[in-house]
C-alpha atoms as a PDB file:
ATOM      1  CA  MET A   1      17.155 -12.804  38.545  1.00  0.00           C
ATOM      2  CA  LYS A   2      14.338 -13.485  36.373  1.00  0.00           C
ATOM      3  CA  THR A   3      12.576 -10.073  37.723  1.00  0.00           C
ATOM      4  CA  LYS A   4      14.613  -7.927  36.934  1.00  0.00           C
ATOM      5  CA  ILE A   5      15.426  -8.993  33.264  1.00  0.00           C
ATOM      6  CA  SER A   6      11.858  -8.135  32.909  1.00  0.00           C
ATOM      7  CA  PHE A   7      11.688  -4.852  34.194  1.00  0.00           C
ATOM      8  CA  ALA A   8      15.039  -4.344  32.073  1.00  0.00           C
ATOM      9  CA  ILE A   9      12.796  -5.394  28.866  1.00  0.00           C
ATOM     10  CA  LEU A  10       9.761  -4.289  29.793  1.00  0.00           C
ATOM     11  CA  LEU A  11      11.613  -0.589  30.394  1.00  0.00           C
ATOM     12  CA  PHE A  12      13.303  -1.110  27.231  1.00  0.00           C
ATOM     13  CA  LEU A  13       9.985  -1.662  25.412  1.00  0.00           C
ATOM     14  CA  CYS A  14       8.223   1.200  27.081  1.00  0.00           C
ATOM     15  CA  LEU A  15      11.445   3.797  26.500  1.00  0.00           C
ATOM     16  CA  GLN A  16      10.947   2.489  22.795  1.00  0.00           C
ATOM     17  CA  TYR A  17       7.224   2.848  22.229  1.00  0.00           C
ATOM     18  CA  THR A  18       8.441   6.909  23.155  1.00  0.00           C
ATOM     19  CA  PHE A  19      10.541   7.441  20.597  1.00  0.00           C
ATOM     20  CA  ALA A  20       8.769   5.832  18.267  1.00  0.00           C
ATOM     21  CA  GLN A  21       5.831   8.228  18.516  1.00  0.00           C
ATOM     22  CA  ASP A  22       8.202  11.005  17.081  1.00  0.00           C
ATOM     23  CA  ILE A  23      10.160   9.014  14.150  1.00  0.00           C
ATOM     24  CA  TYR A  24       7.417   9.136  11.833  1.00  0.00           C
ATOM     25  CA  GLU A  25       6.185  11.497   9.565  1.00  0.00           C
ATOM     26  CA  TYR A  26       3.164  11.337   7.291  1.00  0.00           C
ATOM     27  CA  GLN A  27       2.076  11.798   3.631  1.00  0.00           C
ATOM     28  CA  ILE A  28      -1.449  11.609   2.506  1.00  0.00           C
ATOM     29  CA  VAL A  29      -2.913  11.069  -1.294  1.00  0.00           C
ATOM     30  CA  THR A  30      -6.378  11.130  -1.775  1.00  0.00           C
ATOM     31  CA  VAL A  31      -8.040   9.377  -4.644  1.00  0.00           C
ATOM     32  CA  ILE A  32     -11.042  10.491  -5.636  1.00  0.00           C
ATOM     33  CA  GLU A  33     -13.370   8.839  -8.898  1.00  0.00           C
ATOM     34  CA  SER A  34     -15.805  10.233 -10.450  1.00  0.00           C
ATOM     35  CA  ILE A  35     -19.268   7.709 -10.364  1.00  0.00           C
ATOM     36  CA  VAL A  36     -21.278  10.077 -12.567  1.00  0.00           C
ATOM     37  CA  PRO A  37     -23.183   8.487 -15.379  1.00  0.00           C
ATOM     38  CA  ASN A  38     -22.072   9.680 -18.722  1.00  0.00           C
ATOM     39  CA  GLY A  39     -18.938  10.365 -17.862  1.00  0.00           C
ATOM     40  CA  LEU A  40     -19.771  14.076 -16.965  1.00  0.00           C
ATOM     41  CA  GLY A  41     -17.694  14.210 -13.359  1.00  0.00           C
ATOM     42  CA  ARG A  42     -14.298  15.040 -12.640  1.00  0.00           C
ATOM     43  CA  SER A  43     -11.793  12.247 -11.132  1.00  0.00           C
ATOM     44  CA  ARG A  44      -8.460  13.330  -9.504  1.00  0.00           C
ATOM     45  CA  MET A  45      -5.589  11.943  -7.372  1.00  0.00           C
ATOM     46  CA  LEU A  46      -4.369  15.027  -4.854  1.00  0.00           C
ATOM     47  CA  THR A  47      -1.766  15.945  -2.488  1.00  0.00           C
ATOM     48  CA  ALA A  48      -0.764  18.626  -0.124  1.00  0.00           C
ATOM     49  CA  ASN A  49       2.471  20.161  -0.943  1.00  0.00           C
ATOM     50  CA  GLU A  50       2.470  22.123   2.792  1.00  0.00           C
ATOM     51  CA  THR A  51       1.619  20.894   5.722  1.00  0.00           C
ATOM     52  CA  ARG A  52      -0.940  23.055   8.011  1.00  0.00           C
ATOM     53  CA  ASP A  53      -1.263  23.006  12.173  1.00  0.00           C
ATOM     54  CA  TYR A  54      -4.520  21.312  13.662  1.00  0.00           C
ATOM     55  CA  LYS A  55      -4.324  23.189  16.150  1.00  0.00           C
ATOM     56  CA  GLU A  56      -4.803  26.607  15.153  1.00  0.00           C
ATOM     57  CA  TYR A  57      -8.300  25.099  13.800  1.00  0.00           C
ATOM     58  CA  THR A  58      -9.435  23.725  16.946  1.00  0.00           C
ATOM     59  CA  SER A  59     -12.054  24.623  19.597  1.00  0.00           C
ATOM     60  CA  SER A  60     -12.056  23.550  22.789  1.00  0.00           C
ATOM     61  CA  ARG A  61     -15.623  22.899  24.334  1.00  0.00           C
ATOM     62  CA  THR A  62     -16.652  22.065  27.865  1.00  0.00           C
ATOM     63  CA  GLY A  63     -19.857  23.309  29.240  1.00  0.00           C
ATOM     64  CA  GLU A  64     -19.749  27.101  30.619  1.00  0.00           C
ATOM     65  CA  ASN A  65     -16.422  27.363  29.208  1.00  0.00           C
ATOM     66  CA  ASP A  66     -16.477  27.618  25.703  1.00  0.00           C
ATOM     67  CA  LYS A  67     -12.943  28.666  24.173  1.00  0.00           C
ATOM     68  CA  ARG A  68     -13.844  28.788  20.360  1.00  0.00           C
ATOM     69  CA  ASN A  69     -11.013  29.514  17.537  1.00  0.00           C
ATOM     70  CA  LYS A  70     -12.088  32.444  15.882  1.00  0.00           C
ATOM     71  CA  SER A  71      -9.393  31.805  13.350  1.00  0.00           C
ATOM     72  CA  ASP A  72     -10.161  32.716   9.364  1.00  0.00           C
ATOM     73  CA  ARG A  73     -11.348  29.746   8.041  1.00  0.00           C
ATOM     74  CA  GLY A  74      -9.449  30.632   4.292  1.00  0.00           C
ATOM     75  CA  LYS A  75      -6.370  30.475   6.379  1.00  0.00           C
ATOM     76  CA  ILE A  76      -7.016  26.465   6.357  1.00  0.00           C
ATOM     77  CA  ARG A  77      -6.818  26.077   2.416  1.00  0.00           C
ATOM     78  CA  VAL A  78      -3.833  24.609   0.583  1.00  0.00           C
ATOM     79  CA  LYS A  79      -3.421  25.980  -2.194  1.00  0.00           C
ATOM     80  CA  ASP A  80      -0.224  24.357  -2.938  1.00  0.00           C
ATOM     81  CA  PHE A  81      -0.907  20.419  -3.893  1.00  0.00           C
ATOM     82  CA  ASP A  82      -0.459  18.441  -6.760  1.00  0.00           C
ATOM     83  CA  GLU A  83      -3.538  17.054  -8.898  1.00  0.00           C
ATOM     84  CA  THR A  84      -3.114  14.307 -11.079  1.00  0.00           C
ATOM     85  CA  LYS A  85      -6.034  13.966 -13.776  1.00  0.00           C
ATOM     86  CA  LEU A  86      -7.655  10.856 -13.643  1.00  0.00           C
ATOM     87  CA  LEU A  87     -10.224   9.123 -15.723  1.00  0.00           C
ATOM     88  CA  ASN A  88     -14.132   8.918 -15.049  1.00  0.00           C
ATOM     89  CA  PHE A  89     -15.420   5.406 -14.430  1.00  0.00           C
ATOM     90  CA  TYR A  90     -18.268   5.871 -16.585  1.00  0.00           C
ATOM     91  CA  ASN A  91     -19.063   6.868 -20.352  1.00  0.00           C
ATOM     92  CA  LEU A  92     -21.760   7.814 -22.327  1.00  0.00           C
ATOM     93  CA  ALA A  93     -21.939   3.619 -23.178  1.00  0.00           C
ATOM     94  CA  GLY A  94     -21.472   2.960 -19.431  1.00  0.00           C
ATOM     95  CA  ILE A  95     -18.596   1.854 -17.101  1.00  0.00           C
ATOM     96  CA  ARG A  96     -15.267   1.777 -18.794  1.00  0.00           C
ATOM     97  CA  PHE A  97     -13.358  -0.727 -17.238  1.00  0.00           C
ATOM     98  CA  GLN A  98     -10.254   0.698 -19.257  1.00  0.00           C
ATOM     99  CA  ASN A  99     -10.052   4.110 -17.596  1.00  0.00           C
ATOM    100  CA  ILE A 100     -10.466   1.677 -14.186  1.00  0.00           C
ATOM    101  CA  VAL A 101      -6.990   0.399 -15.064  1.00  0.00           C
ATOM    102  CA  ALA A 102      -5.658   3.540 -16.299  1.00  0.00           C
ATOM    103  CA  ASN A 103      -6.651   5.197 -12.970  1.00  0.00           C
ATOM    104  CA  ASP A 104      -4.915   1.695 -11.349  1.00  0.00           C
ATOM    105  CA  ALA A 105      -1.588   2.516 -13.423  1.00  0.00           C
ATOM    106  CA  VAL A 106      -1.334   5.771 -12.533  1.00  0.00           C
ATOM    107  CA  VAL A 107      -2.174   5.900  -8.789  1.00  0.00           C
ATOM    108  CA  MET A 108       0.223   2.589  -9.025  1.00  0.00           C
ATOM    109  CA  SER A 109       3.209   4.579 -10.448  1.00  0.00           C
ATOM    110  CA  LYS A 110       2.648   7.383  -7.112  1.00  0.00           C
ATOM    111  CA  ILE A 111       3.088   4.336  -4.740  1.00  0.00           C
ATOM    112  CA  ASN A 112       5.956   3.107  -6.635  1.00  0.00           C
ATOM    113  CA  THR A 113       7.757   6.914  -7.109  1.00  0.00           C
ATOM    114  CA  LEU A 114       6.782   7.413  -2.925  1.00  0.00           C
ATOM    115  CA  ALA A 115       8.168   4.292  -2.098  1.00  0.00           C
ATOM    116  CA  SER A 116      11.456   4.569  -4.067  1.00  0.00           C
ATOM    117  CA  LYS A 117      11.254   8.017  -1.786  1.00  0.00           C
ATOM    118  CA  GLY A 118      11.361   6.124   1.514  1.00  0.00           C
ATOM    119  CA  TRP A 119       7.692   6.411   2.087  1.00  0.00           C
ATOM    120  CA  GLU A 120       5.817   3.257   3.171  1.00  0.00           C
ATOM    121  CA  LEU A 121       1.853   2.326   2.709  1.00  0.00           C
ATOM    122  CA  ALA A 122       0.703   2.695   6.462  1.00  0.00           C
ATOM    123  CA  PHE A 123      -3.173   2.959   5.999  1.00  0.00           C
ATOM    124  CA  VAL A 124      -6.105   2.834   3.109  1.00  0.00           C
ATOM    125  CA  ASN A 125      -9.525   4.135   3.828  1.00  0.00           C
ATOM    126  CA  SER A 126     -11.980   4.735   1.204  1.00  0.00           C
ATOM    127  CA  GLY A 127     -15.821   5.520   1.307  1.00  0.00           C
ATOM    128  CA  VAL A 128     -18.192   6.039  -1.784  1.00  0.00           C
ATOM    129  CA  GLU A 129     -21.417   8.689  -1.915  1.00  0.00           C
ATOM    130  CA  SER A 130     -22.886   6.917  -5.110  1.00  0.00           C
ATOM    131  CA  HIS A 131     -26.024   7.375  -6.830  1.00  0.00           C
ATOM    132  CA  GLY A 132     -28.632   8.367  -4.292  1.00  0.00           C
ATOM    133  CA  GLY A 133     -31.751   6.955  -6.549  1.00  0.00           C
ATOM    134  CA  GLU A 134     -34.149   9.516  -9.262  1.00  0.00           C
ATOM    135  CA  GLY A 135     -33.020  12.660  -9.594  1.00  0.00           C
ATOM    136  CA  ASP A 136     -29.513  11.761  -7.730  1.00  0.00           C
ATOM    137  CA  SER A 137     -26.824  11.881 -10.741  1.00  0.00           C
ATOM    138  CA  ASN A 138     -23.826  12.909  -8.285  1.00  0.00           C
ATOM    139  CA  GLY A 139     -20.962  10.588  -7.072  1.00  0.00           C
ATOM    140  CA  ILE A 140     -17.452   9.941  -6.030  1.00  0.00           C
ATOM    141  CA  TYR A 141     -15.282   6.998  -4.227  1.00  0.00           C
ATOM    142  CA  ILE A 142     -13.314   7.911  -2.602  1.00  0.00           C
ATOM    143  CA  THR A 143      -9.835   6.562  -1.189  1.00  0.00           C
ATOM    144  CA  ARG A 144      -6.823   7.779   1.332  1.00  0.00           C
ATOM    145  CA  TYR A 145      -3.783   6.530   0.817  1.00  0.00           C
ATOM    146  CA  THR A 146      -1.749   7.519   4.304  1.00  0.00           C
ATOM    147  CA  PHE A 147       2.405   7.284   4.029  1.00  0.00           C
ATOM    148  CA  LYS A 148       4.849   7.013   6.645  1.00  0.00           C
ATOM    149  CA  ARG A 149       8.399   7.147   6.661  1.00  0.00           C
ATOM    150  CA  GLU A 150      11.505   7.581   9.418  1.00  0.00           C
ATOM    151  CA  LYS A 151      12.072  11.411   9.697  1.00  0.00           C
END
């Protein structure tokens, strides 16, 4: 009897996992904040309003069998997106903490808006490309917020 119950529970969990894979949709919000000295950079929050099928731009390579996707790279571009201006981390006087908290308030507003529409924050990934020494005045801080909701 215990074996039948255990099997039924295992079957139920497997079926639930199978069906759960197709019940979510995802939305990514990318925040790019400039860390260029003297406030010369640009900071933005970006959200795509279009979708792309990655398969159209994917090539398969298996040794002798080289199937390259010859699609036009220009088709990958998304022209329908939201772009929200943000403040730069630096100005002429140096780091601006007011700018950082202002950006936080704008990003928080976006997160709250998405949450009110049923989106749940699933993942946060971030990275930085910072000042690389003398002669390098480039730098960005990028954060990707991945949201999910049931279809």
